[in-house]
Amino acid sequence: MAPPREPLQLNNYQSLLTAFSDFLIVAIHTILYERGLYPPETFLLTRAYNFPVRQNRHPLVCKWIQDAVSAVHDQMFKGTIRRIVLVIYSDRQEVLERFLFDVERFPVVPEKDAYTEFGVESGAEGEVKVSRVDVEEQLRATIRTLAYCGAKLGVLPEDCTYTLAVELKDNMDPPIGHPQPWVPSIPSLQTGEKGSSERIGSDVGGVKSVPVRSVEAGQFILESWIEEGKAKHDFRKQASSADS
């Protein structure tokens, strides 16, 4: 029996979130491979969006990614997230790179209407159905850019670590509960609220930004870019001095 065909449209908020979650999983595996966070032999070659991609084959790595993305999905379902950030640290917990995915322009839909078809009674004005083909074409271009980021960003120091973080929208309470999937970020990555006099963390923004891709298809609007931290540039200067 042939598998059921996916619908041609992302026609409710839940379908948008599912499409984004699937993309985020592929993006994280791609970044981990391109930035050398695990040995290349621990990755399999597979395909996503009709494009060759790498997937780590260690069960614990796959479970961590799946659980982290599931926690992101739960918060996006509540409309609390502004950005999702994959942060790469040195072995001294210095911020080297941040891969940012801005979802602030995703629609805000009441939880009770998450499965209601757009344009019917979804609770947000002006919503239209979104072509799955259009979204996946643009997501393929985003993954392609991430797949080539290693050559542009250069080599990282050994023994780097990483985590997945979220930046909340203004006036949103931090996610709490049991079990607790989220912990406060380090002070240098605290963002404060827009228009607030609260000091922004010293690692927010980095010293250089590299654009990745903008995706805009109906209500599926995603901006992504990479920030390189001061610690990374200091490492590269030291490496250059050692080679000269």
C-alpha atoms as a PDB file:
ATOM      1  CA  MET A   1       0.000   0.000   0.000  1.00  0.00           C
ATOM      2  CA  ALA A   2       1.337   3.421  -0.895  1.00  0.00           C
ATOM      3  CA  PRO A   3       1.899   5.839   2.014  1.00  0.00           C
ATOM      4  CA  PRO A   4      -0.693   8.615   2.372  1.00  0.00           C
ATOM      5  CA  ARG A   5       0.173  11.697   0.328  1.00  0.00           C
ATOM      6  CA  GLU A   6       0.972  14.854   2.263  1.00  0.00           C
ATOM      7  CA  PRO A   7      -1.543  17.667   1.774  1.00  0.00           C
ATOM      8  CA  LEU A   8      -0.556  20.270  -0.801  1.00  0.00           C
ATOM      9  CA  GLN A   9      -1.218  23.083   1.656  1.00  0.00           C
ATOM     10  CA  LEU A  10      -0.251  23.976   5.188  1.00  0.00           C
ATOM     11  CA  ASN A  11      -3.780  24.968   6.035  1.00  0.00           C
ATOM     12  CA  ASN A  12      -3.719  25.459   9.815  1.00  0.00           C
ATOM     13  CA  TYR A  13      -1.327  26.631  12.511  1.00  0.00           C
ATOM     14  CA  GLN A  14      -0.456  23.125  13.664  1.00  0.00           C
ATOM     15  CA  SER A  15       0.636  22.173  10.142  1.00  0.00           C
ATOM     16  CA  LEU A  16       2.889  25.258  10.025  1.00  0.00           C
ATOM     17  CA  LEU A  17       4.470  24.269  13.347  1.00  0.00           C
ATOM     18  CA  THR A  18       4.985  20.685  12.196  1.00  0.00           C
ATOM     19  CA  ALA A  19       6.688  21.873   9.003  1.00  0.00           C
ATOM     20  CA  PHE A  20       8.925  24.210  11.006  1.00  0.00           C
ATOM     21  CA  SER A  21       9.800  21.513  13.564  1.00  0.00           C
ATOM     22  CA  ASP A  22      10.776  19.109  10.784  1.00  0.00           C
ATOM     23  CA  PHE A  23      12.970  21.826   9.273  1.00  0.00           C
ATOM     24  CA  LEU A  24      14.598  22.645  12.616  1.00  0.00           C
ATOM     25  CA  ILE A  25      15.608  19.011  13.132  1.00  0.00           C
ATOM     26  CA  VAL A  26      17.281  18.924   9.695  1.00  0.00           C
ATOM     27  CA  ALA A  27      18.938  22.296  10.335  1.00  0.00           C
ATOM     28  CA  ILE A  28      20.428  21.208  13.671  1.00  0.00           C
ATOM     29  CA  HIS A  29      21.876  17.985  12.244  1.00  0.00           C
ATOM     30  CA  THR A  30      23.311  19.999   9.336  1.00  0.00           C
ATOM     31  CA  ILE A  31      24.934  22.563  11.630  1.00  0.00           C
ATOM     32  CA  LEU A  32      26.421  19.887  13.896  1.00  0.00           C
ATOM     33  CA  TYR A  33      27.999  18.231  10.860  1.00  0.00           C
ATOM     34  CA  GLU A  34      29.238  21.395   9.149  1.00  0.00           C
ATOM     35  CA  ARG A  35      30.725  22.848  12.327  1.00  0.00           C
ATOM     36  CA  GLY A  36      32.494  19.621  13.257  1.00  0.00           C
ATOM     37  CA  LEU A  37      30.768  19.138  16.619  1.00  0.00           C
ATOM     38  CA  TYR A  38      30.951  15.353  16.080  1.00  0.00           C
ATOM     39  CA  PRO A  39      33.277  13.252  13.902  1.00  0.00           C
ATOM     40  CA  PRO A  40      32.077  13.098  10.276  1.00  0.00           C
ATOM     41  CA  GLU A  41      31.915   9.297  10.373  1.00  0.00           C
ATOM     42  CA  THR A  42      29.084   9.517  12.933  1.00  0.00           C
ATOM     43  CA  PHE A  43      26.778  11.033  10.291  1.00  0.00           C
ATOM     44  CA  LEU A  44      24.704   9.304   7.638  1.00  0.00           C
ATOM     45  CA  LEU A  45      23.984  10.767   4.223  1.00  0.00           C
ATOM     46  CA  THR A  46      20.249  11.079   3.667  1.00  0.00           C
ATOM     47  CA  ARG A  47      17.853  13.447   1.906  1.00  0.00           C
ATOM     48  CA  ALA A  48      15.452  16.187   2.977  1.00  0.00           C
ATOM     49  CA  TYR A  49      13.549  18.578   0.716  1.00  0.00           C
ATOM     50  CA  ASN A  50      15.035  16.608  -2.204  1.00  0.00           C
ATOM     51  CA  PHE A  51      18.522  17.692  -1.113  1.00  0.00           C
ATOM     52  CA  PRO A  52      21.370  15.569   0.325  1.00  0.00           C
ATOM     53  CA  VAL A  53      21.819  16.222   4.057  1.00  0.00           C
ATOM     54  CA  ARG A  54      23.716  14.722   6.982  1.00  0.00           C
ATOM     55  CA  GLN A  55      22.091  13.113   9.994  1.00  0.00           C
ATOM     56  CA  ASN A  56      23.933  12.050  13.118  1.00  0.00           C
ATOM     57  CA  ARG A  57      23.351   8.354  13.724  1.00  0.00           C
ATOM     58  CA  HIS A  58      24.009   8.216  17.471  1.00  0.00           C
ATOM     59  CA  PRO A  59      20.698   7.430  19.222  1.00  0.00           C
ATOM     60  CA  LEU A  60      21.357   9.786  22.155  1.00  0.00           C
ATOM     61  CA  VAL A  61      22.198  12.711  19.868  1.00  0.00           C
ATOM     62  CA  CYS A  62      19.070  12.079  17.818  1.00  0.00           C
ATOM     63  CA  LYS A  63      16.945  11.852  20.974  1.00  0.00           C
ATOM     64  CA  TRP A  64      18.408  15.082  22.368  1.00  0.00           C
ATOM     65  CA  ILE A  65      17.601  16.927  19.147  1.00  0.00           C
ATOM     66  CA  GLN A  66      14.104  15.449  18.982  1.00  0.00           C
ATOM     67  CA  ASP A  67      13.369  16.347  22.618  1.00  0.00           C
ATOM     68  CA  ALA A  68      14.757  19.883  22.214  1.00  0.00           C
ATOM     69  CA  VAL A  69      12.690  20.543  19.093  1.00  0.00           C
ATOM     70  CA  SER A  70       9.613  19.097  20.796  1.00  0.00           C
ATOM     71  CA  ALA A  71      10.113  21.574  23.663  1.00  0.00           C
ATOM     72  CA  VAL A  72      10.420  24.395  21.113  1.00  0.00           C
ATOM     73  CA  HIS A  73       7.240  23.202  19.391  1.00  0.00           C
ATOM     74  CA  ASP A  74       5.325  23.321  22.689  1.00  0.00           C
ATOM     75  CA  GLN A  75       6.352  26.935  23.281  1.00  0.00           C
ATOM     76  CA  MET A  76       5.600  27.997  19.708  1.00  0.00           C
ATOM     77  CA  PHE A  77       2.191  26.393  20.108  1.00  0.00           C
ATOM     78  CA  LYS A  78       1.658  28.904  22.927  1.00  0.00           C
ATOM     79  CA  GLY A  79       2.973  31.798  20.824  1.00  0.00           C
ATOM     80  CA  THR A  80       5.733  32.738  23.291  1.00  0.00           C
ATOM     81  CA  ILE A  81       8.878  32.489  21.146  1.00  0.00           C
ATOM     82  CA  ARG A  82      10.652  35.243  19.246  1.00  0.00           C
ATOM     83  CA  ARG A  83      13.776  33.335  18.197  1.00  0.00           C
ATOM     84  CA  ILE A  84      15.305  29.882  18.403  1.00  0.00           C
ATOM     85  CA  VAL A  85      19.090  29.887  18.746  1.00  0.00           C
ATOM     86  CA  LEU A  86      21.655  27.111  18.412  1.00  0.00           C
ATOM     87  CA  VAL A  87      24.637  28.296  20.465  1.00  0.00           C
ATOM     88  CA  ILE A  88      28.143  26.860  20.053  1.00  0.00           C
ATOM     89  CA  TYR A  89      30.523  27.278  23.001  1.00  0.00           C
ATOM     90  CA  SER A  90      34.247  26.772  23.429  1.00  0.00           C
ATOM     91  CA  ASP A  91      35.519  24.351  26.070  1.00  0.00           C
ATOM     92  CA  ARG A  92      35.716  27.397  28.374  1.00  0.00           C
ATOM     93  CA  GLN A  93      32.014  28.177  27.791  1.00  0.00           C
ATOM     94  CA  GLU A  94      32.759  31.186  25.599  1.00  0.00           C
ATOM     95  CA  VAL A  95      30.149  31.923  22.932  1.00  0.00           C
ATOM     96  CA  LEU A  96      31.696  31.241  19.525  1.00  0.00           C
ATOM     97  CA  GLU A  97      28.732  31.158  17.153  1.00  0.00           C
ATOM     98  CA  ARG A  98      24.968  31.551  17.304  1.00  0.00           C
ATOM     99  CA  PHE A  99      22.627  30.246  14.603  1.00  0.00           C
ATOM    100  CA  LEU A 100      19.392  32.221  14.872  1.00  0.00           C
ATOM    101  CA  PHE A 101      15.931  31.395  13.525  1.00  0.00           C
ATOM    102  CA  ASP A 102      13.509  34.291  13.952  1.00  0.00           C
ATOM    103  CA  VAL A 103       9.850  33.177  14.102  1.00  0.00           C
ATOM    104  CA  GLU A 104       8.373  36.366  15.549  1.00  0.00           C
ATOM    105  CA  ARG A 105       6.281  36.930  12.418  1.00  0.00           C
ATOM    106  CA  PHE A 106       4.578  33.554  12.633  1.00  0.00           C
ATOM    107  CA  PRO A 107       0.847  34.058  13.225  1.00  0.00           C
ATOM    108  CA  VAL A 108      -0.472  34.203  16.778  1.00  0.00           C
ATOM    109  CA  VAL A 109      -3.355  31.752  16.973  1.00  0.00           C
ATOM    110  CA  PRO A 110      -5.265  30.735  20.117  1.00  0.00           C
ATOM    111  CA  GLU A 111      -4.469  27.174  21.129  1.00  0.00           C
ATOM    112  CA  LYS A 112      -8.083  26.139  20.629  1.00  0.00           C
ATOM    113  CA  ASP A 113      -7.840  27.212  16.973  1.00  0.00           C
ATOM    114  CA  ALA A 114      -4.501  25.578  16.155  1.00  0.00           C
ATOM    115  CA  TYR A 115      -6.237  22.923  14.038  1.00  0.00           C
ATOM    116  CA  THR A 116      -8.789  25.282  12.500  1.00  0.00           C
ATOM    117  CA  GLU A 117      -8.270  25.846   8.800  1.00  0.00           C
ATOM    118  CA  PHE A 118      -6.888  29.261   7.896  1.00  0.00           C
ATOM    119  CA  GLY A 119      -9.484  31.628   6.547  1.00  0.00           C
ATOM    120  CA  VAL A 120     -12.308  29.948   8.454  1.00  0.00           C
ATOM    121  CA  GLU A 121     -12.203  30.769  12.176  1.00  0.00           C
ATOM    122  CA  SER A 122      -8.509  30.662  12.993  1.00  0.00           C
ATOM    123  CA  GLY A 123      -8.628  33.742  15.199  1.00  0.00           C
ATOM    124  CA  ALA A 124      -6.141  35.831  13.176  1.00  0.00           C
ATOM    125  CA  GLU A 125      -7.101  38.187  10.380  1.00  0.00           C
ATOM    126  CA  GLY A 126      -5.842  37.924   6.832  1.00  0.00           C
ATOM    127  CA  GLU A 127      -4.610  34.359   7.017  1.00  0.00           C
ATOM    128  CA  VAL A 128      -4.343  32.346   3.828  1.00  0.00           C
ATOM    129  CA  LYS A 129      -3.448  28.772   3.039  1.00  0.00           C
ATOM    130  CA  VAL A 130       0.243  28.147   2.446  1.00  0.00           C
ATOM    131  CA  SER A 131       1.593  26.032  -0.396  1.00  0.00           C
ATOM    132  CA  ARG A 132       3.686  23.171   0.986  1.00  0.00           C
ATOM    133  CA  VAL A 133       5.731  23.108  -2.230  1.00  0.00           C
ATOM    134  CA  ASP A 134       6.556  26.814  -1.915  1.00  0.00           C
ATOM    135  CA  VAL A 135       7.603  26.449   1.733  1.00  0.00           C
ATOM    136  CA  GLU A 136       9.732  23.369   1.094  1.00  0.00           C
ATOM    137  CA  GLU A 137      11.499  24.979  -1.871  1.00  0.00           C
ATOM    138  CA  GLN A 138      12.538  27.888   0.329  1.00  0.00           C
ATOM    139  CA  LEU A 139      13.504  25.614   3.216  1.00  0.00           C
ATOM    140  CA  ARG A 140      15.658  23.593   0.819  1.00  0.00           C
ATOM    141  CA  ALA A 141      17.513  26.787  -0.095  1.00  0.00           C
ATOM    142  CA  THR A 142      18.007  27.529   3.620  1.00  0.00           C
ATOM    143  CA  ILE A 143      19.421  24.059   4.313  1.00  0.00           C
ATOM    144  CA  ARG A 144      21.667  24.373   1.260  1.00  0.00           C
ATOM    145  CA  THR A 145      23.132  27.600   2.653  1.00  0.00           C
ATOM    146  CA  LEU A 146      23.679  25.987   6.062  1.00  0.00           C
ATOM    147  CA  ALA A 147      25.315  23.000   4.350  1.00  0.00           C
ATOM    148  CA  TYR A 148      27.948  25.309   2.879  1.00  0.00           C
ATOM    149  CA  CYS A 149      28.489  27.435   5.983  1.00  0.00           C
ATOM    150  CA  GLY A 150      31.575  25.537   7.135  1.00  0.00           C
ATOM    151  CA  ALA A 151      33.788  26.922   4.385  1.00  0.00           C
ATOM    152  CA  LYS A 152      32.705  30.491   5.147  1.00  0.00           C
ATOM    153  CA  LEU A 153      32.920  30.301   8.935  1.00  0.00           C
ATOM    154  CA  GLY A 154      36.261  28.551   9.255  1.00  0.00           C
ATOM    155  CA  VAL A 155      37.407  25.896  11.704  1.00  0.00           C
ATOM    156  CA  LEU A 156      36.309  25.942  15.333  1.00  0.00           C
ATOM    157  CA  PRO A 157      38.578  25.009  18.251  1.00  0.00           C
ATOM    158  CA  GLU A 158      38.445  21.459  19.599  1.00  0.00           C
ATOM    159  CA  ASP A 159      36.038  20.239  22.278  1.00  0.00           C
ATOM    160  CA  CYS A 160      33.232  22.676  21.506  1.00  0.00           C
ATOM    161  CA  THR A 161      29.790  22.128  22.975  1.00  0.00           C
ATOM    162  CA  TYR A 162      26.352  23.390  21.990  1.00  0.00           C
ATOM    163  CA  THR A 163      22.833  23.949  23.214  1.00  0.00           C
ATOM    164  CA  LEU A 164      19.467  25.083  21.903  1.00  0.00           C
ATOM    165  CA  ALA A 165      18.001  28.244  23.398  1.00  0.00           C
ATOM    166  CA  VAL A 166      14.857  30.312  22.908  1.00  0.00           C
ATOM    167  CA  GLU A 167      14.356  34.052  23.168  1.00  0.00           C
ATOM    168  CA  LEU A 168      10.869  34.884  24.407  1.00  0.00           C
ATOM    169  CA  LYS A 169       8.606  37.650  23.216  1.00  0.00           C
ATOM    170  CA  ASP A 170       8.180  40.675  25.473  1.00  0.00           C
ATOM    171  CA  ASN A 171       6.170  40.136  28.661  1.00  0.00           C
ATOM    172  CA  MET A 172       6.107  36.356  28.240  1.00  0.00           C
ATOM    173  CA  ASP A 173       6.665  34.274  31.353  1.00  0.00           C
ATOM    174  CA  PRO A 174       9.594  31.836  31.173  1.00  0.00           C
ATOM    175  CA  PRO A 175       8.520  28.210  30.675  1.00  0.00           C
ATOM    176  CA  ILE A 176       8.423  26.354  33.958  1.00  0.00           C
ATOM    177  CA  GLY A 177       7.051  22.996  34.989  1.00  0.00           C
ATOM    178  CA  HIS A 178       8.052  19.445  35.738  1.00  0.00           C
ATOM    179  CA  PRO A 179      10.011  18.024  34.110  1.00  0.00           C
ATOM    180  CA  GLN A 180      11.788  21.289  33.341  1.00  0.00           C
ATOM    181  CA  PRO A 181      13.210  21.293  29.780  1.00  0.00           C
ATOM    182  CA  TRP A 182      14.486  24.886  29.923  1.00  0.00           C
ATOM    183  CA  VAL A 183      17.003  26.660  32.173  1.00  0.00           C
ATOM    184  CA  PRO A 184      17.965  30.372  32.162  1.00  0.00           C
ATOM    185  CA  SER A 185      20.701  31.258  29.679  1.00  0.00           C
ATOM    186  CA  ILE A 186      24.063  32.622  30.793  1.00  0.00           C
ATOM    187  CA  PRO A 187      24.034  36.380  31.632  1.00  0.00           C
ATOM    188  CA  SER A 188      25.984  37.328  28.499  1.00  0.00           C
ATOM    189  CA  LEU A 189      23.109  35.979  26.365  1.00  0.00           C
ATOM    190  CA  GLN A 190      20.237  37.630  28.243  1.00  0.00           C
ATOM    191  CA  THR A 191      18.323  39.889  25.861  1.00  0.00           C
ATOM    192  CA  GLY A 192      15.973  41.951  28.022  1.00  0.00           C
ATOM    193  CA  GLU A 193      12.774  43.358  26.527  1.00  0.00           C
ATOM    194  CA  LYS A 194      12.387  45.697  23.591  1.00  0.00           C
ATOM    195  CA  GLY A 195      12.468  49.303  24.718  1.00  0.00           C
ATOM    196  CA  SER A 196      13.745  48.303  28.144  1.00  0.00           C
ATOM    197  CA  SER A 197      16.702  50.012  29.793  1.00  0.00           C
ATOM    198  CA  GLU A 198      17.859  46.600  30.996  1.00  0.00           C
ATOM    199  CA  ARG A 199      21.397  45.887  29.833  1.00  0.00           C
ATOM    200  CA  ILE A 200      21.710  43.545  26.860  1.00  0.00           C
ATOM    201  CA  GLY A 201      24.107  40.623  27.311  1.00  0.00           C
ATOM    202  CA  SER A 202      27.610  41.189  25.951  1.00  0.00           C
ATOM    203  CA  ASP A 203      27.447  38.169  23.606  1.00  0.00           C
ATOM    204  CA  VAL A 204      24.121  39.110  22.005  1.00  0.00           C
ATOM    205  CA  GLY A 205      24.684  40.295  18.444  1.00  0.00           C
ATOM    206  CA  GLY A 206      28.250  39.021  18.232  1.00  0.00           C
ATOM    207  CA  VAL A 207      30.925  40.953  16.351  1.00  0.00           C
ATOM    208  CA  LYS A 208      29.867  39.796  12.892  1.00  0.00           C
ATOM    209  CA  SER A 209      26.599  38.619  11.345  1.00  0.00           C
ATOM    210  CA  VAL A 210      26.262  36.343   8.334  1.00  0.00           C
ATOM    211  CA  PRO A 211      22.829  36.187   6.638  1.00  0.00           C
ATOM    212  CA  VAL A 212      21.471  32.742   5.845  1.00  0.00           C
ATOM    213  CA  ARG A 213      18.036  33.020   4.243  1.00  0.00           C
ATOM    214  CA  SER A 214      14.627  34.649   4.465  1.00  0.00           C
ATOM    215  CA  VAL A 215      11.603  32.410   3.964  1.00  0.00           C
ATOM    216  CA  GLU A 216       8.255  34.021   3.237  1.00  0.00           C
ATOM    217  CA  ALA A 217       5.307  31.949   2.087  1.00  0.00           C
ATOM    218  CA  GLY A 218       1.955  33.153   3.330  1.00  0.00           C
ATOM    219  CA  GLN A 219       1.983  32.846   7.125  1.00  0.00           C
ATOM    220  CA  PHE A 220       5.261  30.936   7.135  1.00  0.00           C
ATOM    221  CA  ILE A 221       7.789  33.754   7.655  1.00  0.00           C
ATOM    222  CA  LEU A 222      11.261  32.874   8.887  1.00  0.00           C
ATOM    223  CA  GLU A 223      14.493  34.867   9.078  1.00  0.00           C
ATOM    224  CA  SER A 224      17.797  33.128   9.789  1.00  0.00           C
ATOM    225  CA  TRP A 225      21.359  34.302  10.247  1.00  0.00           C
ATOM    226  CA  ILE A 226      24.614  33.477  12.034  1.00  0.00           C
ATOM    227  CA  GLU A 227      26.402  35.596  14.644  1.00  0.00           C
ATOM    228  CA  GLU A 228      30.114  35.123  15.257  1.00  0.00           C
ATOM    229  CA  GLY A 229      31.260  35.954  18.784  1.00  0.00           C
ATOM    230  CA  LYS A 230      34.299  37.870  19.975  1.00  0.00           C
ATOM    231  CA  ALA A 231      35.801  34.691  21.455  1.00  0.00           C
ATOM    232  CA  LYS A 232      35.818  33.085  18.007  1.00  0.00           C
ATOM    233  CA  HIS A 233      37.612  36.039  16.421  1.00  0.00           C
ATOM    234  CA  ASP A 234      40.139  36.018  19.259  1.00  0.00           C
ATOM    235  CA  PHE A 235      40.726  32.303  18.612  1.00  0.00           C
ATOM    236  CA  ARG A 236      41.287  32.921  14.897  1.00  0.00           C
ATOM    237  CA  LYS A 237      43.770  35.715  15.633  1.00  0.00           C
ATOM    238  CA  GLN A 238      45.691  33.462  17.972  1.00  0.00           C
ATOM    239  CA  ALA A 239      45.690  30.650  15.388  1.00  0.00           C
ATOM    240  CA  SER A 240      46.957  33.042  12.705  1.00  0.00           C
ATOM    241  CA  SER A 241      49.737  34.286  14.996  1.00  0.00           C
ATOM    242  CA  ALA A 242      50.791  30.726  15.753  1.00  0.00           C
ATOM    243  CA  ASP A 243      50.984  29.888  12.020  1.00  0.00           C
ATOM    244  CA  SER A 244      53.045  32.950  11.100  1.00  0.00           C
END
